[in-house]
Structure formats: C-alpha cells, structure tokens
Amino acid sequence: MAQKTTYPLYSDEYFMAEALKEASQAEAKDEIPIGAVIVCDNRIIARSHNLTETLHDVTAHAEMQAFTAAADHLGGKYLNECTLYVTVEPCVMCAGAAFWTQIGKIVYGAPDEKRGYTLTGKPLLHPKTKVIPGVLEKECSRLMKDFFRKKRDS
C-alpha cells in the first residue's frame, strides 16, 4: 500500500495535492487527468478537473471550469487576489482566460512540452500574474505519463 504524503497546511504543495485529487477524478472518468483548485485567503473556493469528454466541449479544461466556479463564488470576474493551482502547465487558451481573470498567481506542476503556453515565447498572462512552475512536478507528470501509457497499451 502506498504511503500517504502530507504537506504543511496552506503550502503550495498542500494545494497542489488537492489539485492532484481533482486530476484523479478526471482519470476515473477517462478524462485527461488534469486538476485545478483556486485559492483565496488560504481557502479553496473552486475545484475542477478536465471535463472535455464528459461535456463534449473542447473548452472544458480544468482551469476554465475553475475560473467559472471561482468567479461565481466571488461574485465577480476578477481573480487578482487568488491563486490557481493546476497539475499541468496551462495551454494557450487557458493562459488567455487567466489573463482576462487577472489571476494573481499560477502554480503548476508538470510542464506541457507539446501544448503549454510557454512554448509561444510570448507573454500571455497578465503582467501582474506571478508564476511558480514545478510544484509536485514528479507526481503530476507521473499521473499524465501513466494515463497515456495505458491509452497506448489498450
């Protein structure tokens, strides 16, 4: 049985572990296992995971779902006091949406070497958005690699 890892409360690792739980829910639905949580004042105000297959909607990425839920929770479209934790680097679409939300900080786990927003080489995020890559990168990356390996083998 795998040993459960605990992280200091309210740390980037703690909230990324919560995003990983969301990613596991996506995997259970045969969705690409990406999860996201949005945190404001050390409280999770939105949780989501990929739902593109479930909703038959190419825009139903974990981040997009989380932005909508967080804005609804706060009663406004700007998330400048919030942090997005997402298991994989956002794509260009999600980075664009993050720009419009003016999210205060983005923390992501694994880089997306095929579709990540950083591949464009252009500043896609709001100028005030802080970015912290690589939090629990090994765990986030392993989940994605295992998912796609199973897909190839089946």
N, C-alpha and C. Protein backbone atom coordinates (compact mmCIF):
# COMPACT_ATOMS: atom_id res chain seq x y z
N MET A 1 0.84 -1.19 0.00
CA MET A 1 0.00 0.00 0.00
C MET A 1 0.88 1.24 0.00
N ALA A 2 0.53 2.22 -0.83
CA ALA A 2 1.31 3.44 -0.94
C ALA A 2 1.17 4.28 0.33
N GLN A 3 2.28 4.87 0.72
CA GLN A 3 2.27 5.73 1.90
C GLN A 3 1.68 7.09 1.52
N LYS A 4 0.80 7.58 2.34
CA LYS A 4 0.18 8.89 2.09
C LYS A 4 1.14 9.98 2.54
N THR A 5 1.37 10.93 1.66
CA THR A 5 2.25 12.05 1.96
C THR A 5 1.40 13.23 2.44
N THR A 6 1.86 13.88 3.48
CA THR A 6 1.17 15.08 3.95
C THR A 6 2.10 16.27 3.76
N TYR A 7 1.50 17.41 3.53
CA TYR A 7 2.25 18.64 3.30
C TYR A 7 1.80 19.68 4.30
N PRO A 8 2.67 20.65 4.59
CA PRO A 8 2.27 21.71 5.51
C PRO A 8 1.01 22.42 5.02
N LEU A 9 0.09 22.64 5.94
CA LEU A 9 -1.17 23.30 5.63
C LEU A 9 -0.90 24.65 4.96
N TYR A 10 -1.66 24.95 3.92
CA TYR A 10 -1.60 26.20 3.18
C TYR A 10 -0.31 26.40 2.38
N SER A 11 0.47 25.35 2.19
CA SER A 11 1.67 25.46 1.36
C SER A 11 1.28 25.21 -0.09
N ASP A 12 2.15 25.59 -1.01
CA ASP A 12 1.90 25.31 -2.42
C ASP A 12 1.75 23.81 -2.64
N GLU A 13 2.52 23.02 -1.93
CA GLU A 13 2.44 21.56 -2.06
C GLU A 13 1.09 21.04 -1.57
N TYR A 14 0.59 21.60 -0.50
CA TYR A 14 -0.71 21.19 0.04
C TYR A 14 -1.81 21.42 -1.00
N PHE A 15 -1.84 22.62 -1.57
CA PHE A 15 -2.90 22.93 -2.53
C PHE A 15 -2.70 22.17 -3.84
N MET A 16 -1.44 21.91 -4.24
CA MET A 16 -1.22 21.11 -5.45
C MET A 16 -1.68 19.68 -5.21
N ALA A 17 -1.52 19.17 -4.01
CA ALA A 17 -2.03 17.83 -3.69
C ALA A 17 -3.54 17.80 -3.84
N GLU A 18 -4.21 18.89 -3.52
CA GLU A 18 -5.66 18.97 -3.72
C GLU A 18 -5.99 18.97 -5.21
N ALA A 19 -5.20 19.67 -6.01
CA ALA A 19 -5.39 19.66 -7.47
C ALA A 19 -5.15 18.25 -8.02
N LEU A 20 -4.20 17.53 -7.45
CA LEU A 20 -3.95 16.14 -7.88
C LEU A 20 -5.15 15.24 -7.58
N LYS A 21 -5.85 15.51 -6.49
CA LYS A 21 -7.07 14.75 -6.20
C LYS A 21 -8.10 14.98 -7.30
N GLU A 22 -8.20 16.22 -7.76
CA GLU A 22 -9.11 16.53 -8.86
C GLU A 22 -8.68 15.81 -10.14
N ALA A 23 -7.38 15.78 -10.39
CA ALA A 23 -6.86 15.10 -11.57
C ALA A 23 -7.21 13.61 -11.53
N SER A 24 -7.15 13.03 -10.35
CA SER A 24 -7.52 11.62 -10.19
C SER A 24 -9.00 11.38 -10.50
N GLN A 25 -9.83 12.35 -10.16
CA GLN A 25 -11.25 12.25 -10.50
C GLN A 25 -11.44 12.28 -12.02
N ALA A 26 -10.66 13.10 -12.70
CA ALA A 26 -10.73 13.15 -14.16
C ALA A 26 -10.32 11.81 -14.74
N GLU A 27 -9.24 11.26 -14.23
CA GLU A 27 -8.75 9.97 -14.72
C GLU A 27 -9.81 8.89 -14.54
N ALA A 28 -10.50 8.90 -13.43
CA ALA A 28 -11.55 7.91 -13.16
C ALA A 28 -12.69 8.00 -14.18
N LYS A 29 -12.84 9.17 -14.81
CA LYS A 29 -13.87 9.37 -15.83
C LYS A 29 -13.31 9.19 -17.24
N ASP A 30 -12.06 8.70 -17.32
CA ASP A 30 -11.35 8.54 -18.58
C ASP A 30 -11.11 9.88 -19.28
N GLU A 31 -10.99 10.92 -18.49
CA GLU A 31 -10.62 12.25 -18.97
C GLU A 31 -9.10 12.40 -18.80
N ILE A 32 -8.49 13.27 -19.58
CA ILE A 32 -7.07 13.56 -19.36
C ILE A 32 -6.94 14.07 -17.93
N PRO A 33 -6.05 13.45 -17.14
CA PRO A 33 -6.01 13.74 -15.69
C PRO A 33 -5.32 15.05 -15.33
N ILE A 34 -6.06 16.12 -15.51
CA ILE A 34 -5.59 17.43 -15.09
C ILE A 34 -6.60 17.97 -14.10
N GLY A 35 -6.09 18.46 -12.97
CA GLY A 35 -6.95 19.01 -11.94
C GLY A 35 -6.52 20.41 -11.57
N ALA A 36 -7.47 21.17 -11.03
CA ALA A 36 -7.19 22.55 -10.65
C ALA A 36 -7.98 22.92 -9.40
N VAL A 37 -7.39 23.76 -8.59
CA VAL A 37 -8.10 24.40 -7.48
C VAL A 37 -7.72 25.87 -7.51
N ILE A 38 -8.65 26.70 -7.09
CA ILE A 38 -8.37 28.13 -6.93
C ILE A 38 -8.52 28.46 -5.46
N VAL A 39 -7.51 29.17 -4.96
CA VAL A 39 -7.42 29.50 -3.54
C VAL A 39 -7.46 31.01 -3.36
N CYS A 40 -8.23 31.43 -2.37
CA CYS A 40 -8.30 32.84 -1.98
C CYS A 40 -8.27 32.89 -0.46
N ASP A 41 -7.39 33.68 0.10
CA ASP A 41 -7.25 33.78 1.56
C ASP A 41 -7.07 32.40 2.21
N ASN A 42 -6.22 31.57 1.60
CA ASN A 42 -5.90 30.23 2.11
C ASN A 42 -7.10 29.29 2.17
N ARG A 43 -8.14 29.57 1.38
CA ARG A 43 -9.31 28.71 1.29
C ARG A 43 -9.54 28.32 -0.16
N ILE A 44 -9.82 27.07 -0.38
CA ILE A 44 -10.16 26.63 -1.73
C ILE A 44 -11.58 27.11 -2.03
N ILE A 45 -11.69 27.93 -3.07
CA ILE A 45 -13.01 28.45 -3.45
C ILE A 45 -13.54 27.79 -4.72
N ALA A 46 -12.68 27.04 -5.42
CA ALA A 46 -13.12 26.34 -6.63
C ALA A 46 -12.25 25.11 -6.83
N ARG A 47 -12.90 24.04 -7.28
CA ARG A 47 -12.22 22.78 -7.60
C ARG A 47 -12.74 22.31 -8.94
N SER A 48 -11.86 21.77 -9.76
CA SER A 48 -12.33 21.23 -11.02
C SER A 48 -11.29 20.30 -11.62
N HIS A 49 -11.74 19.60 -12.64
CA HIS A 49 -10.87 18.73 -13.42
C HIS A 49 -11.37 18.74 -14.86
N ASN A 50 -10.56 18.20 -15.74
CA ASN A 50 -10.96 18.17 -17.16
C ASN A 50 -12.29 17.49 -17.33
N LEU A 51 -13.13 18.07 -18.16
CA LEU A 51 -14.45 17.52 -18.47
C LEU A 51 -14.74 17.57 -19.97
N THR A 52 -13.70 17.60 -20.78
CA THR A 52 -13.91 17.75 -22.22
C THR A 52 -14.67 16.59 -22.84
N GLU A 53 -14.40 15.37 -22.40
CA GLU A 53 -15.11 14.19 -22.92
C GLU A 53 -16.53 14.13 -22.36
N THR A 54 -16.65 14.35 -21.08
CA THR A 54 -17.94 14.27 -20.40
C THR A 54 -18.93 15.28 -20.97
N LEU A 55 -18.45 16.51 -21.19
CA LEU A 55 -19.33 17.58 -21.66
C LEU A 55 -19.31 17.74 -23.18
N HIS A 56 -18.47 16.95 -23.86
CA HIS A 56 -18.32 17.09 -25.32
C HIS A 56 -18.00 18.54 -25.67
N ASP A 57 -17.04 19.10 -24.92
CA ASP A 57 -16.71 20.52 -25.03
C ASP A 57 -15.19 20.68 -24.96
N VAL A 58 -14.59 21.09 -26.07
CA VAL A 58 -13.13 21.23 -26.10
C VAL A 58 -12.61 22.32 -25.16
N THR A 59 -13.49 23.20 -24.71
CA THR A 59 -13.06 24.27 -23.80
C THR A 59 -13.22 23.90 -22.33
N ALA A 60 -13.67 22.70 -22.03
CA ALA A 60 -13.96 22.31 -20.64
C ALA A 60 -12.70 21.83 -19.91
N HIS A 61 -11.64 22.60 -20.03
CA HIS A 61 -10.40 22.28 -19.32
C HIS A 61 -10.58 22.57 -17.83
N ALA A 62 -9.74 21.94 -17.03
CA ALA A 62 -9.82 22.10 -15.57
C ALA A 62 -9.76 23.58 -15.18
N GLU A 63 -8.84 24.32 -15.79
CA GLU A 63 -8.67 25.73 -15.44
C GLU A 63 -9.92 26.54 -15.78
N MET A 64 -10.48 26.29 -16.95
CA MET A 64 -11.66 27.04 -17.39
C MET A 64 -12.84 26.81 -16.44
N GLN A 65 -13.02 25.54 -16.05
CA GLN A 65 -14.08 25.20 -15.11
C GLN A 65 -13.85 25.89 -13.76
N ALA A 66 -12.58 25.89 -13.33
CA ALA A 66 -12.24 26.51 -12.04
C ALA A 66 -12.42 28.03 -12.08
N PHE A 67 -12.05 28.67 -13.19
CA PHE A 67 -12.24 30.12 -13.30
C PHE A 67 -13.72 30.48 -13.15
N THR A 68 -14.57 29.72 -13.83
CA THR A 68 -16.00 29.99 -13.78
C THR A 68 -16.54 29.82 -12.35
N ALA A 69 -16.15 28.72 -11.71
CA ALA A 69 -16.62 28.45 -10.34
C ALA A 69 -16.11 29.51 -9.36
N ALA A 70 -14.85 29.92 -9.50
CA ALA A 70 -14.28 30.93 -8.59
C ALA A 70 -14.96 32.28 -8.78
N ALA A 71 -15.16 32.68 -10.03
CA ALA A 71 -15.83 33.96 -10.30
C ALA A 71 -17.25 33.95 -9.74
N ASP A 72 -17.92 32.81 -9.88
CA ASP A 72 -19.27 32.69 -9.34
C ASP A 72 -19.24 32.80 -7.81
N HIS A 73 -18.27 32.12 -7.19
CA HIS A 73 -18.14 32.16 -5.73
C HIS A 73 -17.90 33.59 -5.24
N LEU A 74 -17.04 34.31 -5.93
CA LEU A 74 -16.68 35.67 -5.50
C LEU A 74 -17.69 36.72 -5.96
N GLY A 75 -18.50 36.38 -6.94
CA GLY A 75 -19.47 37.34 -7.45
C GLY A 75 -18.85 38.39 -8.36
N GLY A 76 -17.74 38.06 -8.97
CA GLY A 76 -17.08 38.98 -9.91
C GLY A 76 -16.09 38.23 -10.76
N LYS A 77 -15.72 38.81 -11.90
CA LYS A 77 -14.88 38.10 -12.86
C LYS A 77 -13.39 38.20 -12.59
N TYR A 78 -12.96 39.09 -11.74
CA TYR A 78 -11.53 39.25 -11.50
C TYR A 78 -11.06 38.41 -10.32
N LEU A 79 -9.96 37.72 -10.53
CA LEU A 79 -9.40 36.80 -9.53
C LEU A 79 -8.00 37.24 -9.11
N ASN A 80 -7.78 38.54 -9.08
CA ASN A 80 -6.43 39.07 -8.80
C ASN A 80 -5.93 38.76 -7.39
N GLU A 81 -6.81 38.41 -6.49
CA GLU A 81 -6.40 38.05 -5.13
C GLU A 81 -6.32 36.53 -4.94
N CYS A 82 -6.39 35.80 -6.04
CA CYS A 82 -6.47 34.34 -5.99
C CYS A 82 -5.24 33.68 -6.60
N THR A 83 -5.08 32.40 -6.28
CA THR A 83 -4.04 31.58 -6.87
C THR A 83 -4.67 30.36 -7.51
N LEU A 84 -4.27 30.10 -8.76
CA LEU A 84 -4.67 28.89 -9.47
C LEU A 84 -3.58 27.85 -9.28
N TYR A 85 -3.96 26.69 -8.77
CA TYR A 85 -3.07 25.53 -8.70
C TYR A 85 -3.56 24.55 -9.75
N VAL A 86 -2.71 24.19 -10.68
CA VAL A 86 -3.10 23.26 -11.75
C VAL A 86 -1.97 22.27 -11.96
N THR A 87 -2.34 21.02 -12.19
CA THR A 87 -1.34 19.94 -12.23
C THR A 87 -0.44 19.99 -13.45
N VAL A 88 -0.91 20.61 -14.54
CA VAL A 88 -0.11 20.71 -15.77
C VAL A 88 -0.14 22.16 -16.24
N GLU A 89 0.96 22.60 -16.80
CA GLU A 89 1.07 23.95 -17.35
C GLU A 89 -0.14 24.28 -18.23
N PRO A 90 -0.75 25.43 -18.04
CA PRO A 90 -1.91 25.79 -18.85
C PRO A 90 -1.58 25.88 -20.34
N CYS A 91 -2.57 25.56 -21.16
CA CYS A 91 -2.44 25.73 -22.60
C CYS A 91 -2.64 27.21 -22.94
N VAL A 92 -2.51 27.53 -24.22
CA VAL A 92 -2.68 28.92 -24.66
C VAL A 92 -4.09 29.43 -24.35
N MET A 93 -5.12 28.60 -24.57
CA MET A 93 -6.49 29.02 -24.28
C MET A 93 -6.65 29.36 -22.80
N CYS A 94 -6.16 28.50 -21.94
CA CYS A 94 -6.32 28.72 -20.50
C CYS A 94 -5.47 29.89 -20.02
N ALA A 95 -4.29 30.08 -20.62
CA ALA A 95 -3.47 31.24 -20.28
C ALA A 95 -4.19 32.53 -20.68
N GLY A 96 -4.85 32.51 -21.83
CA GLY A 96 -5.62 33.67 -22.26
C GLY A 96 -6.75 33.98 -21.30
N ALA A 97 -7.45 32.93 -20.87
CA ALA A 97 -8.52 33.13 -19.90
C ALA A 97 -7.95 33.64 -18.58
N ALA A 98 -6.80 33.11 -18.18
CA ALA A 98 -6.15 33.57 -16.95
C ALA A 98 -5.82 35.06 -17.05
N PHE A 99 -5.39 35.49 -18.23
CA PHE A 99 -5.12 36.92 -18.44
C PHE A 99 -6.37 37.74 -18.13
N TRP A 100 -7.51 37.32 -18.68
CA TRP A 100 -8.74 38.09 -18.51
C TRP A 100 -9.25 38.07 -17.07
N THR A 101 -8.95 37.01 -16.32
CA THR A 101 -9.36 36.97 -14.91
C THR A 101 -8.44 37.82 -14.04
N GLN A 102 -7.25 38.15 -14.58
CA GLN A 102 -6.21 38.85 -13.83
C GLN A 102 -5.79 38.06 -12.59
N ILE A 103 -5.78 36.73 -12.72
CA ILE A 103 -5.40 35.86 -11.60
C ILE A 103 -4.07 36.34 -11.01
N GLY A 104 -3.99 36.35 -9.69
CA GLY A 104 -2.80 36.86 -9.02
C GLY A 104 -1.58 35.98 -9.14
N LYS A 105 -1.80 34.66 -9.12
CA LYS A 105 -0.67 33.74 -9.17
C LYS A 105 -1.13 32.43 -9.79
N ILE A 106 -0.23 31.82 -10.56
CA ILE A 106 -0.46 30.49 -11.11
C ILE A 106 0.67 29.60 -10.63
N VAL A 107 0.29 28.48 -10.03
CA VAL A 107 1.25 27.47 -9.60
C VAL A 107 0.91 26.21 -10.39
N TYR A 108 1.88 25.70 -11.14
CA TYR A 108 1.59 24.46 -11.87
C TYR A 108 2.64 23.40 -11.58
N GLY A 109 2.23 22.16 -11.83
CA GLY A 109 3.09 21.02 -11.53
C GLY A 109 4.01 20.69 -12.69
N ALA A 110 3.51 19.96 -13.66
CA ALA A 110 4.33 19.49 -14.78
C ALA A 110 4.26 20.46 -15.95
N PRO A 111 5.38 20.63 -16.65
CA PRO A 111 5.31 21.42 -17.89
C PRO A 111 4.56 20.63 -18.95
N ASP A 112 3.96 21.34 -19.89
CA ASP A 112 3.32 20.69 -21.04
C ASP A 112 4.21 20.97 -22.25
N GLU A 113 5.00 19.99 -22.60
CA GLU A 113 6.01 20.17 -23.64
C GLU A 113 5.43 20.21 -25.05
N LYS A 114 4.14 19.92 -25.20
CA LYS A 114 3.51 19.95 -26.53
C LYS A 114 2.55 21.12 -26.70
N ARG A 115 1.82 21.49 -25.63
CA ARG A 115 0.77 22.49 -25.77
C ARG A 115 0.82 23.61 -24.72
N GLY A 116 1.87 23.64 -23.90
CA GLY A 116 1.94 24.65 -22.84
C GLY A 116 2.07 26.06 -23.38
N TYR A 117 1.54 27.01 -22.63
CA TYR A 117 1.55 28.40 -23.08
C TYR A 117 2.95 28.97 -23.20
N THR A 118 3.91 28.45 -22.46
CA THR A 118 5.27 29.00 -22.52
C THR A 118 5.96 28.70 -23.85
N LEU A 119 5.43 27.75 -24.60
CA LEU A 119 6.03 27.41 -25.90
C LEU A 119 5.91 28.55 -26.90
N THR A 120 4.94 29.44 -26.71
CA THR A 120 4.76 30.54 -27.66
C THR A 120 5.89 31.56 -27.56
N GLY A 121 6.53 31.62 -26.40
CA GLY A 121 7.59 32.59 -26.21
C GLY A 121 7.09 34.02 -26.07
N LYS A 122 5.77 34.16 -25.93
CA LYS A 122 5.17 35.48 -25.80
C LYS A 122 4.48 35.60 -24.44
N PRO A 123 4.45 36.80 -23.88
CA PRO A 123 3.78 36.98 -22.59
C PRO A 123 2.25 36.90 -22.75
N LEU A 124 1.67 35.80 -22.35
CA LEU A 124 0.23 35.60 -22.49
C LEU A 124 -0.54 35.90 -21.21
N LEU A 125 0.14 35.92 -20.08
CA LEU A 125 -0.52 36.15 -18.80
C LEU A 125 -0.56 37.65 -18.50
N HIS A 126 -1.43 38.01 -17.57
CA HIS A 126 -1.50 39.40 -17.10
C HIS A 126 -0.12 39.76 -16.53
N PRO A 127 0.34 40.99 -16.77
CA PRO A 127 1.68 41.38 -16.30
C PRO A 127 1.89 41.24 -14.79
N LYS A 128 0.82 41.31 -14.01
CA LYS A 128 0.96 41.20 -12.55
C LYS A 128 0.87 39.76 -12.05
N THR A 129 0.55 38.82 -12.92
CA THR A 129 0.42 37.42 -12.50
C THR A 129 1.79 36.83 -12.23
N LYS A 130 1.94 36.26 -11.05
CA LYS A 130 3.17 35.55 -10.69
C LYS A 130 3.01 34.08 -11.09
N VAL A 131 4.10 33.44 -11.48
CA VAL A 131 4.06 32.04 -11.89
C VAL A 131 5.10 31.25 -11.13
N ILE A 132 4.67 30.12 -10.58
CA ILE A 132 5.59 29.20 -9.91
C ILE A 132 5.42 27.83 -10.56
N PRO A 133 6.39 27.42 -11.38
CA PRO A 133 6.31 26.10 -12.02
C PRO A 133 6.96 25.02 -11.16
N GLY A 134 6.61 23.76 -11.47
CA GLY A 134 7.34 22.63 -10.91
C GLY A 134 6.94 22.17 -9.52
N VAL A 135 5.82 22.62 -8.99
CA VAL A 135 5.40 22.17 -7.65
C VAL A 135 4.79 20.77 -7.77
N LEU A 136 5.35 19.84 -7.07
CA LEU A 136 4.99 18.41 -7.15
C LEU A 136 5.04 17.92 -8.61
N GLU A 137 6.03 18.41 -9.32
CA GLU A 137 6.18 18.08 -10.74
C GLU A 137 6.24 16.57 -10.98
N LYS A 138 6.99 15.88 -10.17
CA LYS A 138 7.15 14.42 -10.35
C LYS A 138 5.80 13.71 -10.27
N GLU A 139 5.00 14.04 -9.27
CA GLU A 139 3.69 13.40 -9.09
C GLU A 139 2.73 13.76 -10.23
N CYS A 140 2.74 15.04 -10.61
CA CYS A 140 1.85 15.50 -11.68
C CYS A 140 2.24 14.86 -13.01
N SER A 141 3.50 14.80 -13.28
CA SER A 141 4.00 14.23 -14.52
C SER A 141 3.72 12.72 -14.58
N ARG A 142 3.91 12.05 -13.46
CA ARG A 142 3.68 10.59 -13.42
C ARG A 142 2.23 10.27 -13.74
N LEU A 143 1.30 11.02 -13.21
CA LEU A 143 -0.12 10.79 -13.46
C LEU A 143 -0.42 10.89 -14.97
N MET A 144 0.11 11.91 -15.61
CA MET A 144 -0.11 12.09 -17.05
C MET A 144 0.55 10.97 -17.85
N LYS A 145 1.79 10.65 -17.54
CA LYS A 145 2.51 9.61 -18.29
C LYS A 145 1.83 8.25 -18.14
N ASP A 146 1.41 7.93 -16.94
CA ASP A 146 0.72 6.65 -16.71
C ASP A 146 -0.59 6.59 -17.49
N PHE A 147 -1.34 7.69 -17.52
CA PHE A 147 -2.62 7.74 -18.23
C PHE A 147 -2.40 7.47 -19.72
N PHE A 148 -1.44 8.16 -20.33
CA PHE A 148 -1.23 8.00 -21.76
C PHE A 148 -0.57 6.66 -22.10
N ARG A 149 0.23 6.13 -21.21
CA ARG A 149 0.80 4.79 -21.42
C ARG A 149 -0.31 3.75 -21.46
N LYS A 150 -1.26 3.86 -20.52
CA LYS A 150 -2.40 2.93 -20.51
C LYS A 150 -3.22 3.06 -21.78
N LYS A 151 -3.39 4.27 -22.26
CA LYS A 151 -4.15 4.51 -23.51
C LYS A 151 -3.45 3.83 -24.69
N ARG A 152 -2.13 3.97 -24.77
CA ARG A 152 -1.37 3.37 -25.87
C ARG A 152 -1.41 1.84 -25.79
N ASP A 153 -1.36 1.30 -24.58
CA ASP A 153 -1.31 -0.15 -24.39
C ASP A 153 -2.66 -0.83 -24.56
N SER A 154 -3.74 -0.06 -24.56
CA SER A 154 -5.05 -0.70 -24.66
C SER A 154 -5.58 -0.74 -26.08
